[in-house]
Amino acid sequence: MQDQMTLYPVADDVLFAPGGRVVIRTYGVGGAAGGGGAAVSYRTWVTGVRDQPRYWRWGHFEDARHGHRMVIEWLTGRGPRPAAAAA
């Protein structure tokens, strides 16, 4: 039997730019429900920026929520590029 991973959505946003659509998706990844209390790791993926996906990793749910907002601020020119929190 294979190990199953579960995605836990945190936030999804779409920005429309002159070059096309940019998708920002933050989610947690963990073991299947009832899988013995496996830790959840959080990630933010950005697709549609310079033809390369960008990726951040966060240690906790609140870091992921805050990081998602920081990524949007960076993409809209209202803040610096966020550094990923240590996992």
Protein backbone atom coordinates (compact mmCIF):
# COMPACT_ATOMS: atom_id res chain seq x y z
CA MET A 1 0.00 0.00 0.00
CA GLN A 2 1.41 3.39 -1.03
CA ASP A 3 1.62 6.30 1.36
CA GLN A 4 -1.02 8.89 0.54
CA MET A 5 -0.46 12.63 0.76
CA THR A 6 -3.21 15.11 1.54
CA LEU A 7 -3.30 18.73 0.32
CA TYR A 8 -4.66 21.35 2.69
CA PRO A 9 -5.54 24.57 0.82
CA VAL A 10 -4.47 27.81 2.50
CA ALA A 11 -4.98 30.47 -0.20
CA ASP A 12 -5.35 30.81 -3.98
CA ASP A 13 -5.09 34.00 -6.02
CA VAL A 14 -4.87 34.92 -9.68
CA LEU A 15 -3.34 38.13 -11.01
CA PHE A 16 -3.74 39.33 -14.58
CA ALA A 17 -0.65 41.04 -16.00
CA PRO A 18 0.24 42.29 -19.48
CA GLY A 19 2.24 39.08 -20.04
CA GLY A 20 -0.60 36.79 -18.99
CA ARG A 21 -2.10 35.16 -15.94
CA VAL A 22 -0.12 34.60 -12.72
CA VAL A 23 -1.40 31.98 -10.27
CA ILE A 24 -0.38 32.05 -6.59
CA ARG A 25 -1.32 28.93 -4.65
CA THR A 26 -0.44 28.18 -1.01
CA TYR A 27 -1.21 24.81 0.52
CA GLY A 28 -0.11 22.35 3.16
CA VAL A 29 1.09 18.85 2.35
CA GLY A 30 0.83 16.08 4.90
CA GLY A 31 0.12 12.43 5.41
CA ALA A 32 -3.36 11.04 4.83
CA ALA A 33 -5.95 11.74 7.50
CA GLY A 34 -5.49 9.38 10.42
CA GLY A 35 -1.91 8.72 9.36
CA GLY A 36 -0.38 8.90 12.81
CA GLY A 37 0.00 12.66 13.20
CA ALA A 38 2.37 13.29 10.29
CA ALA A 39 3.66 16.86 10.13
CA VAL A 40 2.29 19.24 7.53
CA SER A 41 4.68 21.32 5.42
CA TYR A 42 3.42 24.45 3.70
CA ARG A 43 4.34 25.69 0.24
CA THR A 44 3.57 28.61 -2.04
CA TRP A 45 3.83 28.08 -5.80
CA VAL A 46 3.72 30.91 -8.34
CA THR A 47 3.25 30.02 -12.00
CA GLY A 48 3.19 32.36 -14.97
CA VAL A 49 6.15 34.55 -13.96
CA ARG A 50 8.96 34.57 -16.52
CA ASP A 51 7.95 31.11 -17.72
CA GLN A 52 9.33 29.54 -14.53
CA PRO A 53 7.40 28.52 -11.42
CA ARG A 54 8.60 30.11 -8.18
CA TYR A 55 8.43 28.23 -4.92
CA TRP A 56 8.54 29.09 -1.21
CA ARG A 57 8.42 26.75 1.77
CA TRP A 58 6.91 27.73 5.15
CA GLY A 59 7.17 26.04 8.52
CA HIS A 60 3.72 26.72 9.95
CA PHE A 61 0.18 27.62 8.86
CA GLU A 62 0.42 31.26 10.01
CA ASP A 63 3.80 31.65 8.24
CA ALA A 64 2.17 30.31 5.06
CA ARG A 65 -0.74 32.78 5.30
CA HIS A 66 1.60 35.70 5.89
CA GLY A 67 4.01 34.47 3.20
CA HIS A 68 1.19 34.22 0.66
CA ARG A 69 0.31 37.89 1.30
CA MET A 70 4.00 38.87 1.00
CA VAL A 71 4.28 37.08 -2.37
CA ILE A 72 1.23 38.98 -3.67
CA GLU A 73 2.71 42.28 -2.44
CA TRP A 74 5.98 41.45 -4.22
CA LEU A 75 4.22 40.56 -7.46
CA THR A 76 2.15 43.76 -7.40
CA GLY A 77 5.17 45.95 -6.65
CA ARG A 78 4.15 46.84 -3.08
CA GLY A 79 6.93 44.94 -1.30
CA PRO A 80 10.26 43.13 -1.64
CA ARG A 81 10.60 39.53 -2.78
CA PRO A 82 9.95 37.36 0.28
CA ALA A 83 12.53 34.99 1.63
CA ALA A 84 11.22 31.55 2.49
CA ALA A 85 10.85 30.81 6.18
CA ALA A 86 12.93 27.97 7.54
CA ALA A 87 11.02 24.72 7.54
